[in-house]
Amino acid sequence: MEQIPTTLRITKDLLEGSSFHSNVGQEFIYVTADKVRLCLNDHREALASQRAWVAPASSLVTSSAALAAAQFRDFVLKAATWEAVFFLLVIASAVWLVRETLSAIANRDKTSTEHVVSKLKAAGLIATKKSTAKVQTADPTKTKLTF
């Protein structure tokens, strides 16, 4: 394992009675920006699906309450037509709720940050402290990784 030199300024007062432990090994993921965008868009959609059931549930509750409590009368349309419209609204809301609930269940494992990292790892090149990655910086504004 190749050691990377590190400079750390420690005063004598700090050293007295102190112990130091180094655990700074890192894992780098080298991916393109478009793969990061795709991964983050998928993650955003998975997070949105976790809350998407609220609107159809609210619609189902309100349309069911209206269907149960209302006495439909003729107004522009006949009473039976109004009742049928609300009945169809209840059915549509129930189907919508089932669809969004199934989507939330399917995406429940995709909302963690660990899932995002694993997708980025699958999409990119991984450099760990065991690999032979070398960082070259000729210009302080640009960094080049060599594998």
N, C-alpha and C. Protein backbone atom coordinates (compact mmCIF):
# COMPACT_ATOMS: atom_id res chain seq x y z
N MET A 1 0.84 -1.17 0.00
CA MET A 1 0.00 0.00 0.00
C MET A 1 0.89 1.24 0.00
N GLU A 2 0.61 2.13 -0.92
CA GLU A 2 1.41 3.34 -1.07
C GLU A 2 0.92 4.41 -0.10
N GLN A 3 1.81 5.00 0.64
CA GLN A 3 1.47 6.05 1.60
C GLN A 3 1.52 7.40 0.90
N ILE A 4 0.52 8.22 1.15
CA ILE A 4 0.50 9.57 0.63
C ILE A 4 0.97 10.49 1.74
N PRO A 5 2.02 11.27 1.48
CA PRO A 5 2.54 12.14 2.55
C PRO A 5 1.51 13.20 2.95
N THR A 6 1.41 13.42 4.23
CA THR A 6 0.48 14.40 4.78
C THR A 6 1.24 15.30 5.73
N THR A 7 0.97 16.59 5.65
CA THR A 7 1.58 17.54 6.55
C THR A 7 0.53 18.00 7.54
N LEU A 8 0.87 17.91 8.82
CA LEU A 8 -0.04 18.30 9.88
C LEU A 8 0.76 19.07 10.92
N ARG A 9 0.36 20.28 11.21
CA ARG A 9 1.06 21.08 12.22
C ARG A 9 0.41 20.86 13.57
N ILE A 10 1.20 20.37 14.51
CA ILE A 10 0.70 20.09 15.85
C ILE A 10 1.62 20.79 16.84
N THR A 11 1.02 21.54 17.69
CA THR A 11 1.83 22.24 18.70
C THR A 11 2.19 21.28 19.83
N LYS A 12 3.23 21.65 20.59
CA LYS A 12 3.70 20.81 21.69
C LYS A 12 2.64 20.69 22.78
N ASP A 13 1.88 21.76 23.03
CA ASP A 13 0.83 21.72 24.05
C ASP A 13 -0.26 20.70 23.68
N LEU A 14 -0.53 20.60 22.41
CA LEU A 14 -1.56 19.68 21.96
C LEU A 14 -1.11 18.23 22.08
N LEU A 15 0.18 17.99 21.92
CA LEU A 15 0.70 16.63 21.97
C LEU A 15 0.70 16.04 23.38
N GLU A 16 0.86 16.86 24.39
CA GLU A 16 0.94 16.37 25.75
C GLU A 16 -0.38 15.72 26.17
N GLY A 17 -0.32 14.45 26.51
CA GLY A 17 -1.49 13.73 27.00
C GLY A 17 -2.51 13.40 25.92
N SER A 18 -2.14 13.51 24.67
CA SER A 18 -3.09 13.25 23.59
C SER A 18 -2.68 12.01 22.82
N SER A 19 -3.65 11.36 22.24
CA SER A 19 -3.37 10.26 21.32
C SER A 19 -4.12 10.54 20.03
N PHE A 20 -3.56 10.13 18.92
CA PHE A 20 -4.13 10.41 17.61
C PHE A 20 -4.38 9.10 16.88
N HIS A 21 -5.48 9.06 16.19
CA HIS A 21 -5.83 7.89 15.38
C HIS A 21 -6.14 8.38 13.97
N SER A 22 -5.64 7.69 12.98
CA SER A 22 -5.87 8.08 11.60
C SER A 22 -6.81 7.07 10.94
N ASN A 23 -7.92 7.57 10.47
CA ASN A 23 -8.88 6.74 9.74
C ASN A 23 -9.43 7.59 8.61
N VAL A 24 -8.62 7.89 7.65
CA VAL A 24 -9.01 8.80 6.58
C VAL A 24 -8.97 8.14 5.21
N GLY A 25 -8.96 6.81 5.16
CA GLY A 25 -9.01 6.12 3.88
C GLY A 25 -10.33 6.45 3.18
N GLN A 26 -10.29 6.73 1.91
CA GLN A 26 -11.47 7.14 1.17
C GLN A 26 -11.68 6.26 -0.05
N GLU A 27 -12.88 6.28 -0.54
CA GLU A 27 -13.23 5.59 -1.77
C GLU A 27 -13.74 6.66 -2.73
N PHE A 28 -13.18 6.73 -3.91
CA PHE A 28 -13.56 7.74 -4.88
C PHE A 28 -14.33 7.08 -6.01
N ILE A 29 -15.37 7.78 -6.48
CA ILE A 29 -16.16 7.28 -7.60
C ILE A 29 -15.99 8.29 -8.74
N TYR A 30 -15.51 7.80 -9.84
CA TYR A 30 -15.22 8.64 -11.00
C TYR A 30 -16.32 8.41 -12.03
N VAL A 31 -17.27 9.35 -12.16
CA VAL A 31 -18.38 9.23 -13.11
C VAL A 31 -18.54 10.52 -13.88
N THR A 32 -19.27 10.43 -14.97
CA THR A 32 -19.55 11.62 -15.77
C THR A 32 -20.76 12.35 -15.21
N ALA A 33 -20.88 13.60 -15.56
CA ALA A 33 -21.97 14.44 -15.03
C ALA A 33 -23.33 13.93 -15.48
N ASP A 34 -23.43 13.41 -16.71
CA ASP A 34 -24.74 12.94 -17.16
C ASP A 34 -25.20 11.72 -16.37
N LYS A 35 -24.28 10.86 -15.95
CA LYS A 35 -24.65 9.71 -15.12
C LYS A 35 -25.08 10.16 -13.73
N VAL A 36 -24.45 11.18 -13.21
CA VAL A 36 -24.86 11.73 -11.91
C VAL A 36 -26.26 12.33 -12.03
N ARG A 37 -26.50 13.08 -13.11
CA ARG A 37 -27.84 13.67 -13.31
C ARG A 37 -28.90 12.59 -13.40
N LEU A 38 -28.66 11.55 -14.18
CA LEU A 38 -29.63 10.46 -14.30
C LEU A 38 -29.88 9.79 -12.95
N CYS A 39 -28.84 9.55 -12.22
CA CYS A 39 -28.97 8.90 -10.91
C CYS A 39 -29.76 9.78 -9.94
N LEU A 40 -29.46 11.07 -9.93
CA LEU A 40 -30.17 11.98 -9.03
C LEU A 40 -31.62 12.19 -9.45
N ASN A 41 -31.89 12.20 -10.76
CA ASN A 41 -33.28 12.30 -11.23
C ASN A 41 -34.07 11.07 -10.81
N ASP A 42 -33.47 9.88 -10.93
CA ASP A 42 -34.15 8.66 -10.47
C ASP A 42 -34.42 8.72 -8.98
N HIS A 43 -33.45 9.23 -8.23
CA HIS A 43 -33.62 9.34 -6.78
C HIS A 43 -34.73 10.34 -6.43
N ARG A 44 -34.77 11.46 -7.14
CA ARG A 44 -35.81 12.46 -6.90
C ARG A 44 -37.20 11.88 -7.19
N GLU A 45 -37.32 11.11 -8.28
CA GLU A 45 -38.60 10.48 -8.62
C GLU A 45 -39.01 9.45 -7.57
N ALA A 46 -38.04 8.70 -7.05
CA ALA A 46 -38.34 7.72 -6.00
C ALA A 46 -38.81 8.41 -4.73
N LEU A 47 -38.17 9.53 -4.39
CA LEU A 47 -38.60 10.29 -3.21
C LEU A 47 -40.00 10.87 -3.41
N ALA A 48 -40.27 11.37 -4.61
CA ALA A 48 -41.60 11.94 -4.88
C ALA A 48 -42.68 10.87 -4.82
N SER A 49 -42.36 9.65 -5.24
CA SER A 49 -43.36 8.59 -5.22
C SER A 49 -43.75 8.20 -3.80
N GLN A 50 -42.89 8.49 -2.84
CA GLN A 50 -43.21 8.17 -1.44
C GLN A 50 -44.31 9.06 -0.89
N ARG A 51 -44.51 10.23 -1.48
CA ARG A 51 -45.54 11.17 -1.02
C ARG A 51 -46.70 11.29 -2.00
N ALA A 52 -46.63 10.62 -3.13
CA ALA A 52 -47.61 10.81 -4.20
C ALA A 52 -48.98 10.21 -3.86
N TRP A 53 -49.09 9.39 -2.86
CA TRP A 53 -50.36 8.78 -2.50
C TRP A 53 -51.30 9.74 -1.78
N VAL A 54 -50.79 10.86 -1.31
CA VAL A 54 -51.60 11.78 -0.50
C VAL A 54 -52.74 12.40 -1.32
N ALA A 55 -52.45 12.85 -2.52
CA ALA A 55 -53.49 13.49 -3.35
C ALA A 55 -54.61 12.51 -3.71
N PRO A 56 -54.31 11.31 -4.20
CA PRO A 56 -55.44 10.41 -4.49
C PRO A 56 -56.20 9.96 -3.24
N ALA A 57 -55.51 9.84 -2.12
CA ALA A 57 -56.21 9.48 -0.88
C ALA A 57 -57.17 10.59 -0.46
N SER A 58 -56.73 11.83 -0.58
CA SER A 58 -57.60 12.96 -0.25
C SER A 58 -58.79 13.03 -1.19
N SER A 59 -58.55 12.81 -2.47
CA SER A 59 -59.63 12.82 -3.45
C SER A 59 -60.62 11.71 -3.18
N LEU A 60 -60.12 10.54 -2.81
CA LEU A 60 -61.00 9.41 -2.51
C LEU A 60 -61.86 9.68 -1.28
N VAL A 61 -61.26 10.25 -0.26
CA VAL A 61 -62.01 10.53 0.97
C VAL A 61 -63.10 11.57 0.72
N THR A 62 -62.74 12.65 0.04
CA THR A 62 -63.74 13.71 -0.19
C THR A 62 -64.84 13.28 -1.15
N SER A 63 -64.48 12.59 -2.22
CA SER A 63 -65.53 12.16 -3.16
C SER A 63 -66.41 11.07 -2.55
N SER A 64 -65.83 10.20 -1.72
CA SER A 64 -66.63 9.18 -1.03
C SER A 64 -67.59 9.83 -0.03
N ALA A 65 -67.10 10.83 0.69
CA ALA A 65 -67.97 11.54 1.64
C ALA A 65 -69.11 12.26 0.92
N ALA A 66 -68.79 12.86 -0.22
CA ALA A 66 -69.83 13.55 -0.99
C ALA A 66 -70.84 12.55 -1.53
N LEU A 67 -70.38 11.43 -2.01
CA LEU A 67 -71.29 10.41 -2.53
C LEU A 67 -72.19 9.85 -1.43
N ALA A 68 -71.64 9.66 -0.25
CA ALA A 68 -72.41 9.09 0.86
C ALA A 68 -73.39 10.09 1.47
N ALA A 69 -73.01 11.36 1.53
CA ALA A 69 -73.81 12.33 2.27
C ALA A 69 -74.76 13.16 1.40
N ALA A 70 -74.48 13.25 0.13
CA ALA A 70 -75.25 14.17 -0.72
C ALA A 70 -76.58 13.56 -1.16
N GLN A 71 -77.56 14.46 -1.31
CA GLN A 71 -78.82 14.11 -1.95
C GLN A 71 -78.80 14.84 -3.29
N PHE A 72 -78.50 14.10 -4.33
CA PHE A 72 -78.32 14.71 -5.64
C PHE A 72 -79.66 15.19 -6.18
N ARG A 73 -79.64 16.37 -6.78
CA ARG A 73 -80.83 16.99 -7.37
C ARG A 73 -80.53 17.39 -8.80
N ASP A 74 -81.56 17.62 -9.53
CA ASP A 74 -81.39 18.05 -10.92
C ASP A 74 -80.84 19.47 -10.94
N PHE A 75 -79.67 19.64 -11.49
CA PHE A 75 -79.06 20.96 -11.68
C PHE A 75 -78.12 20.81 -12.87
N VAL A 76 -78.47 21.39 -13.96
CA VAL A 76 -77.79 21.28 -15.24
C VAL A 76 -77.88 19.83 -15.75
N LEU A 77 -77.52 18.88 -14.91
CA LEU A 77 -77.64 17.46 -15.24
C LEU A 77 -78.68 16.83 -14.31
N LYS A 78 -79.15 15.66 -14.69
CA LYS A 78 -80.12 14.97 -13.86
C LYS A 78 -79.44 14.42 -12.60
N ALA A 79 -80.20 14.16 -11.55
CA ALA A 79 -79.68 13.68 -10.27
C ALA A 79 -78.94 12.36 -10.43
N ALA A 80 -79.45 11.47 -11.26
CA ALA A 80 -78.80 10.17 -11.47
C ALA A 80 -77.44 10.36 -12.16
N THR A 81 -77.34 11.34 -13.02
CA THR A 81 -76.07 11.62 -13.71
C THR A 81 -75.04 12.15 -12.72
N TRP A 82 -75.47 13.05 -11.83
CA TRP A 82 -74.54 13.55 -10.80
C TRP A 82 -74.04 12.42 -9.92
N GLU A 83 -74.94 11.54 -9.54
CA GLU A 83 -74.55 10.41 -8.70
C GLU A 83 -73.56 9.51 -9.45
N ALA A 84 -73.79 9.29 -10.71
CA ALA A 84 -72.88 8.47 -11.52
C ALA A 84 -71.51 9.14 -11.67
N VAL A 85 -71.51 10.46 -11.83
CA VAL A 85 -70.24 11.20 -11.93
C VAL A 85 -69.43 11.03 -10.65
N PHE A 86 -70.07 11.19 -9.50
CA PHE A 86 -69.35 11.04 -8.23
C PHE A 86 -68.92 9.59 -8.00
N PHE A 87 -69.74 8.63 -8.44
CA PHE A 87 -69.37 7.23 -8.32
C PHE A 87 -68.13 6.93 -9.16
N LEU A 88 -68.10 7.47 -10.39
CA LEU A 88 -66.92 7.29 -11.24
C LEU A 88 -65.70 7.99 -10.65
N LEU A 89 -65.92 9.14 -10.01
CA LEU A 89 -64.82 9.85 -9.35
C LEU A 89 -64.24 9.02 -8.21
N VAL A 90 -65.10 8.35 -7.46
CA VAL A 90 -64.63 7.48 -6.37
C VAL A 90 -63.82 6.32 -6.95
N ILE A 91 -64.31 5.71 -8.01
CA ILE A 91 -63.58 4.60 -8.63
C ILE A 91 -62.24 5.06 -9.18
N ALA A 92 -62.22 6.20 -9.88
CA ALA A 92 -60.98 6.73 -10.44
C ALA A 92 -59.98 7.07 -9.33
N SER A 93 -60.47 7.65 -8.24
CA SER A 93 -59.59 7.98 -7.12
C SER A 93 -59.02 6.73 -6.47
N ALA A 94 -59.83 5.69 -6.36
CA ALA A 94 -59.36 4.43 -5.77
C ALA A 94 -58.30 3.78 -6.65
N VAL A 95 -58.51 3.80 -7.96
CA VAL A 95 -57.51 3.23 -8.88
C VAL A 95 -56.22 4.03 -8.80
N TRP A 96 -56.34 5.35 -8.79
CA TRP A 96 -55.17 6.24 -8.68
C TRP A 96 -54.41 5.97 -7.38
N LEU A 97 -55.15 5.81 -6.28
CA LEU A 97 -54.52 5.54 -4.98
C LEU A 97 -53.78 4.20 -4.99
N VAL A 98 -54.38 3.18 -5.57
CA VAL A 98 -53.73 1.87 -5.64
C VAL A 98 -52.45 1.97 -6.47
N ARG A 99 -52.53 2.67 -7.60
CA ARG A 99 -51.35 2.84 -8.47
C ARG A 99 -50.21 3.55 -7.74
N GLU A 100 -50.52 4.64 -7.06
CA GLU A 100 -49.49 5.40 -6.34
C GLU A 100 -48.94 4.63 -5.13
N THR A 101 -49.80 3.86 -4.48
CA THR A 101 -49.35 3.05 -3.35
C THR A 101 -48.39 1.95 -3.83
N LEU A 102 -48.72 1.30 -4.93
CA LEU A 102 -47.82 0.28 -5.49
C LEU A 102 -46.50 0.90 -5.93
N SER A 103 -46.55 2.10 -6.48
CA SER A 103 -45.32 2.80 -6.89
C SER A 103 -44.47 3.13 -5.66
N ALA A 104 -45.10 3.56 -4.58
CA ALA A 104 -44.37 3.87 -3.35
C ALA A 104 -43.73 2.61 -2.77
N ILE A 105 -44.45 1.51 -2.83
CA ILE A 105 -43.90 0.25 -2.32
C ILE A 105 -42.72 -0.20 -3.18
N ALA A 106 -42.86 -0.07 -4.49
CA ALA A 106 -41.78 -0.48 -5.40
C ALA A 106 -40.53 0.37 -5.23
N ASN A 107 -40.69 1.64 -4.86
CA ASN A 107 -39.56 2.57 -4.74
C ASN A 107 -39.05 2.74 -3.32
N ARG A 108 -39.58 1.99 -2.37
CA ARG A 108 -39.19 2.22 -0.97
C ARG A 108 -37.71 1.96 -0.72
N ASP A 109 -37.10 1.04 -1.45
CA ASP A 109 -35.67 0.76 -1.25
C ASP A 109 -34.77 1.70 -2.03
N LYS A 110 -35.35 2.52 -2.90
CA LYS A 110 -34.56 3.40 -3.76
C LYS A 110 -34.41 4.80 -3.21
N THR A 111 -34.87 5.05 -2.00
CA THR A 111 -34.85 6.41 -1.46
C THR A 111 -33.68 6.69 -0.53
N SER A 112 -32.87 5.69 -0.25
CA SER A 112 -31.76 5.91 0.67
C SER A 112 -30.55 6.49 -0.06
N THR A 113 -29.72 7.18 0.67
CA THR A 113 -28.49 7.71 0.08
C THR A 113 -27.54 6.58 -0.29
N GLU A 114 -27.61 5.47 0.42
CA GLU A 114 -26.77 4.32 0.09
C GLU A 114 -27.12 3.76 -1.28
N HIS A 115 -28.40 3.81 -1.64
CA HIS A 115 -28.81 3.36 -2.97
C HIS A 115 -28.23 4.26 -4.05
N VAL A 116 -28.22 5.57 -3.81
CA VAL A 116 -27.64 6.51 -4.77
C VAL A 116 -26.15 6.23 -4.95
N VAL A 117 -25.46 6.03 -3.84
CA VAL A 117 -24.02 5.76 -3.92
C VAL A 117 -23.76 4.45 -4.66
N SER A 118 -24.55 3.42 -4.40
CA SER A 118 -24.34 2.15 -5.09
C SER A 118 -24.62 2.26 -6.59
N LYS A 119 -25.61 3.08 -6.96
CA LYS A 119 -25.86 3.30 -8.39
C LYS A 119 -24.72 4.07 -9.04
N LEU A 120 -24.17 5.04 -8.32
CA LEU A 120 -23.02 5.77 -8.86
C LEU A 120 -21.81 4.87 -8.98
N LYS A 121 -21.63 3.97 -8.02
CA LYS A 121 -20.53 3.03 -8.10
C LYS A 121 -20.69 2.11 -9.30
N ALA A 122 -21.91 1.68 -9.57
CA ALA A 122 -22.16 0.80 -10.71
C ALA A 122 -21.93 1.53 -12.03
N ALA A 123 -22.16 2.85 -12.03
CA ALA A 123 -22.03 3.62 -13.26
C ALA A 123 -20.61 4.11 -13.51
N GLY A 124 -19.78 4.10 -12.50
CA GLY A 124 -18.48 4.73 -12.66
C GLY A 124 -17.31 3.83 -12.33
N LEU A 125 -16.16 4.43 -12.31
CA LEU A 125 -14.91 3.77 -11.97
C LEU A 125 -14.63 4.05 -10.51
N ILE A 126 -14.28 3.02 -9.76
CA ILE A 126 -14.07 3.17 -8.32
C ILE A 126 -12.58 3.09 -8.03
N ALA A 127 -12.09 4.05 -7.27
CA ALA A 127 -10.69 4.04 -6.84
C ALA A 127 -10.68 3.98 -5.32
N THR A 128 -10.11 2.94 -4.77
CA THR A 128 -10.00 2.82 -3.32
C THR A 128 -8.55 3.02 -2.93
N LYS A 129 -8.28 2.97 -1.63
CA LYS A 129 -6.91 3.15 -1.18
C LYS A 129 -6.03 1.98 -1.61
N LYS A 130 -6.62 0.86 -2.03
CA LYS A 130 -5.86 -0.29 -2.48
C LYS A 130 -5.49 -0.18 -3.96
N SER A 131 -6.15 0.70 -4.70
CA SER A 131 -5.88 0.81 -6.12
C SER A 131 -4.65 1.67 -6.37
N THR A 132 -4.33 1.85 -7.63
CA THR A 132 -3.13 2.59 -7.98
C THR A 132 -3.48 3.98 -8.51
N ALA A 133 -4.53 4.56 -7.99
CA ALA A 133 -4.92 5.89 -8.45
C ALA A 133 -3.91 6.93 -7.99
N LYS A 134 -3.54 7.81 -8.88
CA LYS A 134 -2.61 8.88 -8.55
C LYS A 134 -3.25 10.19 -8.95
N VAL A 135 -3.11 11.17 -8.11
CA VAL A 135 -3.66 12.49 -8.40
C VAL A 135 -2.52 13.37 -8.90
N GLN A 136 -2.73 13.95 -10.07
CA GLN A 136 -1.73 14.85 -10.64
C GLN A 136 -2.34 16.24 -10.75
N THR A 137 -1.64 17.21 -10.21
CA THR A 137 -2.14 18.58 -10.27
C THR A 137 -1.02 19.49 -10.76
N ALA A 138 -1.00 19.74 -12.04
CA ALA A 138 -0.04 20.68 -12.59
C ALA A 138 -0.58 22.09 -12.41
N ASP A 139 -1.86 22.24 -12.63
CA ASP A 139 -2.53 23.51 -12.47
C ASP A 139 -3.42 23.40 -11.24
N PRO A 140 -3.38 24.33 -10.29
CA PRO A 140 -4.17 24.20 -9.06
C PRO A 140 -5.69 24.20 -9.33
N THR A 141 -6.13 24.68 -10.49
CA THR A 141 -7.57 24.70 -10.77
C THR A 141 -8.05 23.42 -11.43
N LYS A 142 -7.13 22.56 -11.86
CA LYS A 142 -7.52 21.31 -12.53
C LYS A 142 -6.84 20.14 -11.84
N THR A 143 -7.58 19.08 -11.66
CA THR A 143 -7.07 17.87 -11.05
C THR A 143 -7.24 16.73 -12.03
N LYS A 144 -6.23 15.90 -12.18
CA LYS A 144 -6.28 14.78 -13.09
C LYS A 144 -6.02 13.50 -12.31
N LEU A 145 -6.94 12.53 -12.47
CA LEU A 145 -6.77 11.23 -11.84
C LEU A 145 -6.20 10.26 -12.86
N THR A 146 -5.18 9.54 -12.49
CA THR A 146 -4.58 8.54 -13.36
C THR A 146 -4.77 7.18 -12.71
N PHE A 147 -5.30 6.24 -13.46
CA PHE A 147 -5.54 4.88 -12.94
C PHE A 147 -4.65 3.89 -13.65
